[in-house]
Amino acid sequence: MTTFGYLRVSTNESRQHGRGQRKALRDAGATVIFEDAQSGTKSYRARPELSRLLEQAQEGDEIIVYSLSRATRSLSDLLALTEEMDSRGIIFKSLTEGQVDSSTPQGKFLTSIWGAVAEMEVEWTRARVRSGLAAAREQGRVGGRRPKLTPEQVAVAKSLRAEGKTVNAICEVLSCSRPTVYKALATEVT
């Protein structure tokens, strides 16, 4: 029997998040870990590393995830994934959701409940984002990322830094984040 671990980080998440998952999986006994870096909204079949893992796993093996949301965010996808593993005799466990374990009837039941909760969270988040964007449009603002600094703002950032101003002070003047200021200071002014 092999204990596999599967972790997923979103493309915009820090690699540190992956390190935390990896440590938890290793602590839970995973000897081989597969990692995907992509959105959780994609089907589990569209994830190359999860597909490789499922190809390698055999009857009696165990697949552990840090949380169900790392495996999938869709209830139908979660049910299909766990059904595929169950039909092949592969045990599926989640560390976060109260030790969900597909090898027991209670575990199967809890997996479907936690999957429904995860899917509901995704839908609530989408609804909040849509609502916020609509409210912003009503006020004449457009949602999304803030534009990068203009060449004039980059020049201002550099001159303020040359005067000895802190990055935080420059952030306040330009109404931008610290990473934006650091990027501006690293660019060449044309």
N, C-alpha and C. Protein backbone atom coordinates (compact mmCIF):
# COMPACT_ATOMS: atom_id res chain seq x y z
N MET A 1 0.84 -1.19 0.00
CA MET A 1 0.00 0.00 0.00
C MET A 1 0.88 1.25 0.00
N THR A 2 0.56 2.18 -0.90
CA THR A 2 1.27 3.45 -0.98
C THR A 2 0.34 4.56 -0.52
N THR A 3 0.88 5.49 0.24
CA THR A 3 0.11 6.66 0.65
C THR A 3 0.57 7.83 -0.19
N PHE A 4 -0.31 8.29 -1.07
CA PHE A 4 -0.02 9.41 -1.95
C PHE A 4 -0.59 10.68 -1.33
N GLY A 5 0.04 11.80 -1.63
CA GLY A 5 -0.50 13.09 -1.26
C GLY A 5 -0.78 13.88 -2.52
N TYR A 6 -1.81 14.68 -2.49
CA TYR A 6 -2.10 15.58 -3.61
C TYR A 6 -2.30 16.97 -3.07
N LEU A 7 -1.61 17.93 -3.67
CA LEU A 7 -1.82 19.32 -3.28
C LEU A 7 -2.00 20.16 -4.51
N ARG A 8 -2.76 21.25 -4.32
CA ARG A 8 -3.00 22.20 -5.41
C ARG A 8 -2.87 23.58 -4.84
N VAL A 9 -2.15 24.41 -5.58
CA VAL A 9 -2.10 25.83 -5.25
C VAL A 9 -2.67 26.58 -6.45
N SER A 10 -3.40 27.63 -6.15
CA SER A 10 -3.91 28.46 -7.24
C SER A 10 -2.73 29.17 -7.88
N THR A 11 -2.89 29.55 -9.11
CA THR A 11 -1.78 30.18 -9.82
C THR A 11 -1.38 31.49 -9.17
N ASN A 12 -2.30 32.14 -8.43
CA ASN A 12 -1.95 33.40 -7.79
C ASN A 12 -1.62 33.25 -6.31
N GLU A 13 -1.54 32.01 -5.83
CA GLU A 13 -1.20 31.79 -4.43
C GLU A 13 0.30 31.68 -4.25
N SER A 14 0.74 31.98 -3.06
CA SER A 14 2.15 31.87 -2.72
C SER A 14 2.59 30.41 -2.68
N ARG A 15 3.82 30.17 -3.02
CA ARG A 15 4.39 28.82 -2.91
C ARG A 15 4.44 28.39 -1.45
N GLN A 16 4.47 29.35 -0.52
CA GLN A 16 4.48 28.99 0.90
C GLN A 16 3.23 28.19 1.24
N HIS A 17 2.11 28.52 0.61
CA HIS A 17 0.88 27.78 0.85
C HIS A 17 1.08 26.31 0.46
N GLY A 18 1.78 26.09 -0.62
CA GLY A 18 2.08 24.73 -1.04
C GLY A 18 2.99 24.02 -0.05
N ARG A 19 3.93 24.78 0.55
CA ARG A 19 4.82 24.18 1.54
C ARG A 19 4.04 23.69 2.76
N GLY A 20 3.07 24.48 3.19
CA GLY A 20 2.25 24.09 4.34
C GLY A 20 1.46 22.83 4.06
N GLN A 21 0.88 22.76 2.87
CA GLN A 21 0.14 21.56 2.49
C GLN A 21 1.08 20.36 2.44
N ARG A 22 2.24 20.56 1.82
CA ARG A 22 3.21 19.47 1.66
C ARG A 22 3.62 18.92 3.02
N LYS A 23 3.90 19.81 3.97
CA LYS A 23 4.31 19.38 5.32
C LYS A 23 3.19 18.57 5.98
N ALA A 24 1.96 19.07 5.89
CA ALA A 24 0.82 18.36 6.50
C ALA A 24 0.64 16.98 5.86
N LEU A 25 0.81 16.89 4.54
CA LEU A 25 0.67 15.60 3.86
C LEU A 25 1.77 14.63 4.28
N ARG A 26 2.99 15.14 4.37
CA ARG A 26 4.10 14.28 4.81
C ARG A 26 3.87 13.81 6.25
N ASP A 27 3.43 14.73 7.12
CA ASP A 27 3.16 14.38 8.51
C ASP A 27 2.05 13.33 8.62
N ALA A 28 1.14 13.32 7.64
CA ALA A 28 0.05 12.34 7.63
C ALA A 28 0.47 11.01 7.00
N GLY A 29 1.72 10.93 6.54
CA GLY A 29 2.22 9.66 6.01
C GLY A 29 2.37 9.57 4.51
N ALA A 30 2.11 10.64 3.78
CA ALA A 30 2.26 10.60 2.32
C ALA A 30 3.74 10.44 1.96
N THR A 31 4.02 9.44 1.15
CA THR A 31 5.40 9.20 0.73
C THR A 31 5.68 9.74 -0.67
N VAL A 32 4.63 9.88 -1.47
CA VAL A 32 4.75 10.44 -2.82
C VAL A 32 3.70 11.55 -2.93
N ILE A 33 4.15 12.74 -3.35
CA ILE A 33 3.22 13.88 -3.42
C ILE A 33 3.18 14.44 -4.84
N PHE A 34 1.98 14.66 -5.32
CA PHE A 34 1.75 15.26 -6.64
C PHE A 34 1.20 16.67 -6.42
N GLU A 35 1.63 17.62 -7.24
CA GLU A 35 1.23 19.02 -7.06
C GLU A 35 0.81 19.65 -8.38
N ASP A 36 -0.37 20.29 -8.37
CA ASP A 36 -0.83 21.08 -9.50
C ASP A 36 -0.87 22.54 -9.08
N ALA A 37 -0.63 23.43 -10.03
CA ALA A 37 -0.73 24.87 -9.78
C ALA A 37 -1.73 25.44 -10.78
N GLN A 38 -3.01 25.45 -10.38
CA GLN A 38 -4.05 25.99 -11.23
C GLN A 38 -5.32 26.20 -10.42
N SER A 39 -6.27 26.85 -11.02
CA SER A 39 -7.52 27.17 -10.36
C SER A 39 -8.26 25.92 -9.91
N GLY A 40 -8.92 26.03 -8.77
CA GLY A 40 -9.69 24.91 -8.25
C GLY A 40 -11.00 24.70 -8.97
N THR A 41 -11.37 25.63 -9.84
CA THR A 41 -12.65 25.50 -10.53
C THR A 41 -12.56 24.56 -11.74
N LYS A 42 -11.36 24.21 -12.14
CA LYS A 42 -11.21 23.27 -13.26
C LYS A 42 -11.55 21.85 -12.80
N SER A 43 -12.08 21.06 -13.70
CA SER A 43 -12.42 19.67 -13.41
C SER A 43 -11.17 18.91 -12.95
N TYR A 44 -11.37 17.95 -12.08
CA TYR A 44 -10.22 17.17 -11.61
C TYR A 44 -9.55 16.44 -12.77
N ARG A 45 -10.31 16.15 -13.82
CA ARG A 45 -9.74 15.47 -14.98
C ARG A 45 -8.81 16.39 -15.78
N ALA A 46 -8.94 17.71 -15.59
CA ALA A 46 -8.13 18.67 -16.34
C ALA A 46 -6.83 19.02 -15.61
N ARG A 47 -6.56 18.35 -14.52
CA ARG A 47 -5.34 18.63 -13.76
C ARG A 47 -4.31 17.55 -14.05
N PRO A 48 -3.20 17.92 -14.68
CA PRO A 48 -2.24 16.90 -15.13
C PRO A 48 -1.65 16.06 -14.00
N GLU A 49 -1.29 16.66 -12.89
CA GLU A 49 -0.67 15.88 -11.82
C GLU A 49 -1.68 14.98 -11.11
N LEU A 50 -2.90 15.45 -10.95
CA LEU A 50 -3.93 14.60 -10.36
C LEU A 50 -4.23 13.42 -11.29
N SER A 51 -4.22 13.67 -12.58
CA SER A 51 -4.42 12.58 -13.55
C SER A 51 -3.29 11.55 -13.45
N ARG A 52 -2.05 12.04 -13.34
CA ARG A 52 -0.90 11.13 -13.18
C ARG A 52 -1.03 10.31 -11.90
N LEU A 53 -1.45 10.98 -10.83
CA LEU A 53 -1.64 10.30 -9.56
C LEU A 53 -2.67 9.19 -9.69
N LEU A 54 -3.80 9.50 -10.31
CA LEU A 54 -4.86 8.50 -10.46
C LEU A 54 -4.41 7.34 -11.33
N GLU A 55 -3.54 7.60 -12.30
CA GLU A 55 -3.01 6.52 -13.14
C GLU A 55 -2.12 5.58 -12.31
N GLN A 56 -1.34 6.16 -11.39
CA GLN A 56 -0.41 5.35 -10.60
C GLN A 56 -1.05 4.62 -9.44
N ALA A 57 -2.08 5.21 -8.85
CA ALA A 57 -2.70 4.63 -7.66
C ALA A 57 -3.36 3.29 -8.00
N GLN A 58 -3.22 2.34 -7.09
CA GLN A 58 -3.78 1.01 -7.27
C GLN A 58 -4.65 0.65 -6.08
N GLU A 59 -5.36 -0.45 -6.21
CA GLU A 59 -6.23 -0.92 -5.14
C GLU A 59 -5.45 -1.02 -3.82
N GLY A 60 -6.05 -0.49 -2.76
CA GLY A 60 -5.42 -0.52 -1.44
C GLY A 60 -4.59 0.71 -1.13
N ASP A 61 -4.27 1.49 -2.17
CA ASP A 61 -3.51 2.72 -1.94
C ASP A 61 -4.41 3.77 -1.30
N GLU A 62 -3.77 4.80 -0.78
CA GLU A 62 -4.48 5.87 -0.10
C GLU A 62 -4.06 7.20 -0.72
N ILE A 63 -5.03 8.08 -0.97
CA ILE A 63 -4.74 9.42 -1.47
C ILE A 63 -5.22 10.41 -0.41
N ILE A 64 -4.31 11.27 0.03
CA ILE A 64 -4.62 12.25 1.06
C ILE A 64 -4.53 13.64 0.46
N VAL A 65 -5.51 14.48 0.80
CA VAL A 65 -5.47 15.90 0.44
C VAL A 65 -5.53 16.72 1.72
N TYR A 66 -5.00 17.93 1.67
CA TYR A 66 -5.05 18.79 2.84
C TYR A 66 -6.49 19.18 3.16
N SER A 67 -7.23 19.56 2.13
CA SER A 67 -8.66 19.84 2.29
C SER A 67 -9.37 19.50 0.99
N LEU A 68 -10.67 19.29 1.08
CA LEU A 68 -11.43 18.92 -0.11
C LEU A 68 -11.33 20.00 -1.19
N SER A 69 -11.22 21.26 -0.78
CA SER A 69 -11.13 22.34 -1.77
C SER A 69 -9.85 22.25 -2.59
N ARG A 70 -8.85 21.57 -2.09
CA ARG A 70 -7.62 21.37 -2.86
C ARG A 70 -7.84 20.33 -3.96
N ALA A 71 -8.78 19.41 -3.73
CA ALA A 71 -9.08 18.39 -4.74
C ALA A 71 -10.03 18.94 -5.80
N THR A 72 -11.10 19.59 -5.35
CA THR A 72 -12.09 20.14 -6.28
C THR A 72 -13.01 21.07 -5.52
N ARG A 73 -13.64 21.98 -6.23
CA ARG A 73 -14.58 22.89 -5.60
C ARG A 73 -16.01 22.66 -6.07
N SER A 74 -16.21 21.64 -6.85
CA SER A 74 -17.54 21.32 -7.37
C SER A 74 -18.00 20.02 -6.72
N LEU A 75 -19.21 20.02 -6.20
CA LEU A 75 -19.73 18.82 -5.56
C LEU A 75 -19.81 17.66 -6.55
N SER A 76 -20.31 17.93 -7.76
CA SER A 76 -20.43 16.84 -8.75
C SER A 76 -19.05 16.29 -9.10
N ASP A 77 -18.05 17.17 -9.20
CA ASP A 77 -16.69 16.73 -9.49
C ASP A 77 -16.13 15.91 -8.33
N LEU A 78 -16.37 16.37 -7.10
CA LEU A 78 -15.90 15.65 -5.92
C LEU A 78 -16.52 14.26 -5.85
N LEU A 79 -17.83 14.20 -6.10
CA LEU A 79 -18.51 12.90 -6.06
C LEU A 79 -17.99 11.96 -7.15
N ALA A 80 -17.73 12.51 -8.34
CA ALA A 80 -17.19 11.69 -9.43
C ALA A 80 -15.78 11.19 -9.07
N LEU A 81 -14.97 12.08 -8.50
CA LEU A 81 -13.61 11.71 -8.11
C LEU A 81 -13.63 10.62 -7.04
N THR A 82 -14.42 10.81 -6.00
CA THR A 82 -14.45 9.82 -4.92
C THR A 82 -15.08 8.50 -5.41
N GLU A 83 -16.05 8.59 -6.31
CA GLU A 83 -16.65 7.37 -6.86
C GLU A 83 -15.62 6.60 -7.68
N GLU A 84 -14.82 7.32 -8.48
CA GLU A 84 -13.77 6.67 -9.27
C GLU A 84 -12.78 5.95 -8.36
N MET A 85 -12.36 6.65 -7.29
CA MET A 85 -11.40 6.04 -6.37
C MET A 85 -12.03 4.85 -5.65
N ASP A 86 -13.27 5.01 -5.21
CA ASP A 86 -13.95 3.94 -4.48
C ASP A 86 -14.10 2.69 -5.35
N SER A 87 -14.45 2.89 -6.62
CA SER A 87 -14.64 1.74 -7.52
C SER A 87 -13.32 1.01 -7.77
N ARG A 88 -12.21 1.69 -7.60
CA ARG A 88 -10.90 1.08 -7.80
C ARG A 88 -10.26 0.61 -6.49
N GLY A 89 -10.99 0.80 -5.37
CA GLY A 89 -10.46 0.36 -4.08
C GLY A 89 -9.40 1.28 -3.51
N ILE A 90 -9.42 2.54 -3.92
CA ILE A 90 -8.46 3.54 -3.43
C ILE A 90 -9.14 4.33 -2.31
N ILE A 91 -8.45 4.49 -1.20
CA ILE A 91 -9.00 5.23 -0.06
C ILE A 91 -8.66 6.70 -0.22
N PHE A 92 -9.65 7.56 0.02
CA PHE A 92 -9.49 9.00 -0.12
C PHE A 92 -9.68 9.64 1.25
N LYS A 93 -8.72 10.49 1.66
CA LYS A 93 -8.81 11.15 2.96
C LYS A 93 -8.52 12.64 2.82
N SER A 94 -9.21 13.41 3.64
CA SER A 94 -8.96 14.84 3.74
C SER A 94 -8.54 15.14 5.18
N LEU A 95 -7.48 15.92 5.34
CA LEU A 95 -6.98 16.21 6.68
C LEU A 95 -7.79 17.30 7.38
N THR A 96 -8.26 18.28 6.65
CA THR A 96 -8.91 19.44 7.25
C THR A 96 -10.33 19.17 7.70
N GLU A 97 -11.10 18.50 6.89
CA GLU A 97 -12.52 18.31 7.18
C GLU A 97 -12.74 17.14 8.14
N GLY A 98 -12.18 17.23 9.31
CA GLY A 98 -12.45 16.24 10.35
C GLY A 98 -12.05 14.83 9.97
N GLN A 99 -10.91 14.69 9.31
CA GLN A 99 -10.43 13.37 8.94
C GLN A 99 -11.43 12.62 8.06
N VAL A 100 -11.96 13.28 7.05
CA VAL A 100 -12.86 12.62 6.10
C VAL A 100 -12.12 11.44 5.49
N ASP A 101 -12.76 10.29 5.51
CA ASP A 101 -12.15 9.04 5.06
C ASP A 101 -13.18 8.27 4.24
N SER A 102 -12.93 8.12 2.94
CA SER A 102 -13.91 7.49 2.06
C SER A 102 -14.04 5.99 2.26
N SER A 103 -13.22 5.42 3.14
CA SER A 103 -13.31 3.97 3.33
C SER A 103 -14.44 3.58 4.29
N THR A 104 -15.13 4.57 4.87
CA THR A 104 -16.25 4.29 5.77
C THR A 104 -17.52 4.93 5.23
N PRO A 105 -18.68 4.37 5.56
CA PRO A 105 -19.93 5.00 5.13
C PRO A 105 -20.07 6.43 5.67
N GLN A 106 -19.67 6.64 6.91
CA GLN A 106 -19.74 7.99 7.48
C GLN A 106 -18.82 8.94 6.72
N GLY A 107 -17.65 8.45 6.34
CA GLY A 107 -16.71 9.27 5.58
C GLY A 107 -17.25 9.67 4.23
N LYS A 108 -17.92 8.73 3.56
CA LYS A 108 -18.54 9.05 2.26
C LYS A 108 -19.62 10.11 2.43
N PHE A 109 -20.41 9.96 3.47
CA PHE A 109 -21.47 10.94 3.75
C PHE A 109 -20.87 12.31 4.03
N LEU A 110 -19.86 12.36 4.89
CA LEU A 110 -19.23 13.64 5.23
C LEU A 110 -18.54 14.27 4.02
N THR A 111 -17.97 13.44 3.16
CA THR A 111 -17.34 13.96 1.95
C THR A 111 -18.35 14.72 1.11
N SER A 112 -19.54 14.16 0.94
CA SER A 112 -20.54 14.84 0.12
C SER A 112 -21.03 16.12 0.79
N ILE A 113 -21.16 16.11 2.12
CA ILE A 113 -21.58 17.33 2.82
C ILE A 113 -20.51 18.42 2.69
N TRP A 114 -19.26 18.06 2.98
CA TRP A 114 -18.18 19.06 2.88
C TRP A 114 -18.02 19.56 1.44
N GLY A 115 -18.21 18.67 0.48
CA GLY A 115 -18.14 19.09 -0.92
C GLY A 115 -19.22 20.09 -1.26
N ALA A 116 -20.44 19.86 -0.74
CA ALA A 116 -21.53 20.80 -0.98
C ALA A 116 -21.23 22.15 -0.34
N VAL A 117 -20.65 22.13 0.86
CA VAL A 117 -20.29 23.38 1.54
C VAL A 117 -19.23 24.13 0.73
N ALA A 118 -18.22 23.42 0.23
CA ALA A 118 -17.17 24.06 -0.56
C ALA A 118 -17.74 24.69 -1.83
N GLU A 119 -18.65 23.97 -2.49
CA GLU A 119 -19.26 24.50 -3.71
C GLU A 119 -20.10 25.74 -3.38
N MET A 120 -20.80 25.70 -2.27
CA MET A 120 -21.62 26.83 -1.85
C MET A 120 -20.74 28.05 -1.56
N GLU A 121 -19.59 27.84 -0.93
CA GLU A 121 -18.65 28.94 -0.66
C GLU A 121 -18.20 29.61 -1.95
N VAL A 122 -17.89 28.79 -2.95
CA VAL A 122 -17.46 29.33 -4.24
C VAL A 122 -18.56 30.19 -4.85
N GLU A 123 -19.79 29.69 -4.81
CA GLU A 123 -20.92 30.45 -5.37
C GLU A 123 -21.17 31.73 -4.61
N TRP A 124 -21.05 31.69 -3.28
CA TRP A 124 -21.23 32.91 -2.48
C TRP A 124 -20.15 33.93 -2.82
N THR A 125 -18.92 33.47 -2.98
CA THR A 125 -17.82 34.38 -3.32
C THR A 125 -18.08 35.02 -4.68
N ARG A 126 -18.50 34.22 -5.66
CA ARG A 126 -18.80 34.77 -6.99
C ARG A 126 -19.92 35.80 -6.91
N ALA A 127 -20.96 35.52 -6.11
CA ALA A 127 -22.08 36.45 -5.97
C ALA A 127 -21.62 37.76 -5.32
N ARG A 128 -20.76 37.66 -4.31
CA ARG A 128 -20.24 38.88 -3.66
C ARG A 128 -19.40 39.70 -4.63
N VAL A 129 -18.59 39.04 -5.42
CA VAL A 129 -17.75 39.75 -6.39
C VAL A 129 -18.63 40.44 -7.43
N ARG A 130 -19.63 39.72 -7.96
CA ARG A 130 -20.53 40.33 -8.94
C ARG A 130 -21.27 41.53 -8.34
N SER A 131 -21.73 41.38 -7.11
CA SER A 131 -22.44 42.46 -6.43
C SER A 131 -21.53 43.67 -6.23
N GLY A 132 -20.31 43.42 -5.80
CA GLY A 132 -19.35 44.51 -5.59
C GLY A 132 -19.01 45.22 -6.89
N LEU A 133 -18.82 44.47 -7.96
CA LEU A 133 -18.51 45.08 -9.26
C LEU A 133 -19.69 45.91 -9.76
N ALA A 134 -20.92 45.41 -9.55
CA ALA A 134 -22.11 46.16 -9.97
C ALA A 134 -22.23 47.47 -9.18
N ALA A 135 -21.98 47.40 -7.87
CA ALA A 135 -22.04 48.61 -7.04
C ALA A 135 -20.97 49.62 -7.47
N ALA A 136 -19.79 49.12 -7.79
CA ALA A 136 -18.71 50.01 -8.24
C ALA A 136 -19.07 50.67 -9.57
N ARG A 137 -19.67 49.90 -10.49
CA ARG A 137 -20.07 50.47 -11.78
C ARG A 137 -21.12 51.56 -11.59
N GLU A 138 -22.05 51.35 -10.64
CA GLU A 138 -23.07 52.37 -10.37
C GLU A 138 -22.45 53.67 -9.87
N GLN A 139 -21.30 53.57 -9.23
CA GLN A 139 -20.60 54.76 -8.73
C GLN A 139 -19.58 55.29 -9.74
N GLY A 140 -19.59 54.70 -10.93
CA GLY A 140 -18.70 55.18 -11.98
C GLY A 140 -17.32 54.58 -11.97
N ARG A 141 -17.10 53.59 -11.13
CA ARG A 141 -15.79 52.94 -11.08
C ARG A 141 -15.86 51.62 -11.83
N VAL A 142 -14.71 51.20 -12.28
CA VAL A 142 -14.63 49.91 -12.96
C VAL A 142 -13.82 48.99 -12.06
N GLY A 143 -14.32 47.78 -11.87
CA GLY A 143 -13.61 46.82 -11.02
C GLY A 143 -12.41 46.24 -11.71
N GLY A 144 -11.66 45.48 -10.98
CA GLY A 144 -10.49 44.83 -11.53
C GLY A 144 -9.22 45.39 -10.93
N ARG A 145 -8.12 44.98 -11.49
CA ARG A 145 -6.82 45.42 -10.98
C ARG A 145 -6.62 46.91 -11.24
N ARG A 146 -5.91 47.50 -10.30
CA ARG A 146 -5.56 48.91 -10.49
C ARG A 146 -4.52 49.01 -11.60
N PRO A 147 -4.58 50.10 -12.36
CA PRO A 147 -3.58 50.22 -13.43
C PRO A 147 -2.18 50.39 -12.84
N LYS A 148 -1.20 49.99 -13.62
CA LYS A 148 0.19 50.18 -13.21
C LYS A 148 0.48 51.67 -13.17
N LEU A 149 1.59 52.00 -12.54
CA LEU A 149 1.96 53.41 -12.46
C LEU A 149 2.34 53.95 -13.84
N THR A 150 1.99 55.20 -14.05
CA THR A 150 2.38 55.87 -15.30
C THR A 150 3.87 56.19 -15.22
N PRO A 151 4.50 56.49 -16.35
CA PRO A 151 5.91 56.88 -16.32
C PRO A 151 6.15 58.10 -15.41
N GLU A 152 5.17 59.01 -15.38
CA GLU A 152 5.31 60.19 -14.51
C GLU A 152 5.31 59.77 -13.04
N GLN A 153 4.43 58.82 -12.68
CA GLN A 153 4.37 58.35 -11.30
C GLN A 153 5.64 57.60 -10.92
N VAL A 154 6.20 56.85 -11.87
CA VAL A 154 7.46 56.15 -11.61
C VAL A 154 8.55 57.19 -11.32
N ALA A 155 8.58 58.26 -12.10
CA ALA A 155 9.57 59.32 -11.88
C ALA A 155 9.38 59.96 -10.50
N VAL A 156 8.12 60.17 -10.10
CA VAL A 156 7.84 60.74 -8.78
C VAL A 156 8.34 59.79 -7.69
N ALA A 157 8.05 58.50 -7.85
CA ALA A 157 8.49 57.51 -6.87
C ALA A 157 10.01 57.53 -6.72
N LYS A 158 10.71 57.59 -7.84
CA LYS A 158 12.17 57.60 -7.80
C LYS A 158 12.71 58.87 -7.17
N SER A 159 12.09 60.00 -7.47
CA SER A 159 12.59 61.25 -6.88
C SER A 159 12.31 61.29 -5.38
N LEU A 160 11.15 60.79 -4.96
CA LEU A 160 10.83 60.74 -3.53
C LEU A 160 11.81 59.82 -2.79
N ARG A 161 12.14 58.71 -3.43
CA ARG A 161 13.10 57.78 -2.82
C ARG A 161 14.47 58.42 -2.72
N ALA A 162 14.86 59.17 -3.78
CA ALA A 162 16.15 59.86 -3.77
C ALA A 162 16.21 60.91 -2.66
N GLU A 163 15.03 61.46 -2.30
CA GLU A 163 14.96 62.44 -1.21
C GLU A 163 14.98 61.76 0.15
N GLY A 164 15.00 60.43 0.17
CA GLY A 164 15.05 59.71 1.43
C GLY A 164 13.71 59.28 1.99
N LYS A 165 12.64 59.42 1.21
CA LYS A 165 11.32 59.01 1.67
C LYS A 165 11.25 57.48 1.76
N THR A 166 10.48 57.00 2.71
CA THR A 166 10.31 55.56 2.86
C THR A 166 9.36 55.03 1.79
N VAL A 167 9.40 53.73 1.59
CA VAL A 167 8.49 53.11 0.63
C VAL A 167 7.05 53.32 1.07
N ASN A 168 6.79 53.23 2.38
CA ASN A 168 5.43 53.45 2.87
C ASN A 168 4.95 54.87 2.55
N ALA A 169 5.83 55.85 2.70
CA ALA A 169 5.46 57.24 2.39
C ALA A 169 5.16 57.39 0.91
N ILE A 170 5.95 56.74 0.07
CA ILE A 170 5.73 56.79 -1.38
C ILE A 170 4.39 56.13 -1.72
N CYS A 171 4.08 55.03 -1.04
CA CYS A 171 2.80 54.35 -1.25
C CYS A 171 1.64 55.30 -0.97
N GLU A 172 1.74 56.06 0.11
CA GLU A 172 0.68 57.00 0.47
C GLU A 172 0.53 58.09 -0.59
N VAL A 173 1.65 58.62 -1.07
CA VAL A 173 1.60 59.69 -2.07
C VAL A 173 0.97 59.19 -3.36
N LEU A 174 1.35 57.98 -3.80
CA LEU A 174 0.89 57.45 -5.08
C LEU A 174 -0.36 56.58 -4.98
N SER A 175 -0.82 56.34 -3.76
CA SER A 175 -2.00 55.48 -3.53
C SER A 175 -1.83 54.12 -4.21
N CYS A 176 -0.73 53.47 -3.87
CA CYS A 176 -0.47 52.14 -4.43
C CYS A 176 0.17 51.26 -3.36
N SER A 177 0.40 50.02 -3.72
CA SER A 177 0.95 49.05 -2.77
C SER A 177 2.47 49.09 -2.76
N ARG A 178 3.03 48.48 -1.71
CA ARG A 178 4.49 48.40 -1.60
C ARG A 178 5.11 47.66 -2.78
N PRO A 179 4.56 46.49 -3.19
CA PRO A 179 5.16 45.81 -4.34
C PRO A 179 5.17 46.68 -5.60
N THR A 180 4.11 47.50 -5.78
CA THR A 180 4.06 48.39 -6.94
C THR A 180 5.19 49.40 -6.88
N VAL A 181 5.43 49.95 -5.69
CA VAL A 181 6.52 50.93 -5.53
C VAL A 181 7.86 50.26 -5.79
N TYR A 182 8.07 49.08 -5.23
CA TYR A 182 9.34 48.39 -5.45
C TYR A 182 9.57 48.11 -6.93
N LYS A 183 8.51 47.72 -7.65
CA LYS A 183 8.64 47.49 -9.09
C LYS A 183 8.98 48.79 -9.81
N ALA A 184 8.33 49.88 -9.39
CA ALA A 184 8.59 51.19 -10.02
C ALA A 184 10.03 51.60 -9.80
N LEU A 185 10.53 51.40 -8.59
CA LEU A 185 11.91 51.80 -8.28
C LEU A 185 12.93 50.96 -9.05
N ALA A 186 12.56 49.77 -9.43
CA ALA A 186 13.46 48.89 -10.16
C ALA A 186 13.45 49.12 -11.67
N THR A 187 12.47 49.91 -12.16
CA THR A 187 12.39 50.14 -13.61
C THR A 187 13.25 51.30 -14.03
N GLU A 188 13.57 51.31 -15.31
CA GLU A 188 14.30 52.42 -15.91
C GLU A 188 13.32 53.48 -16.37
N VAL A 189 13.55 54.72 -16.06
CA VAL A 189 12.69 55.81 -16.52
C VAL A 189 13.10 56.16 -17.93
N THR A 190 12.10 56.24 -18.83
CA THR A 190 12.41 56.57 -20.23
C THR A 190 11.93 57.95 -20.58
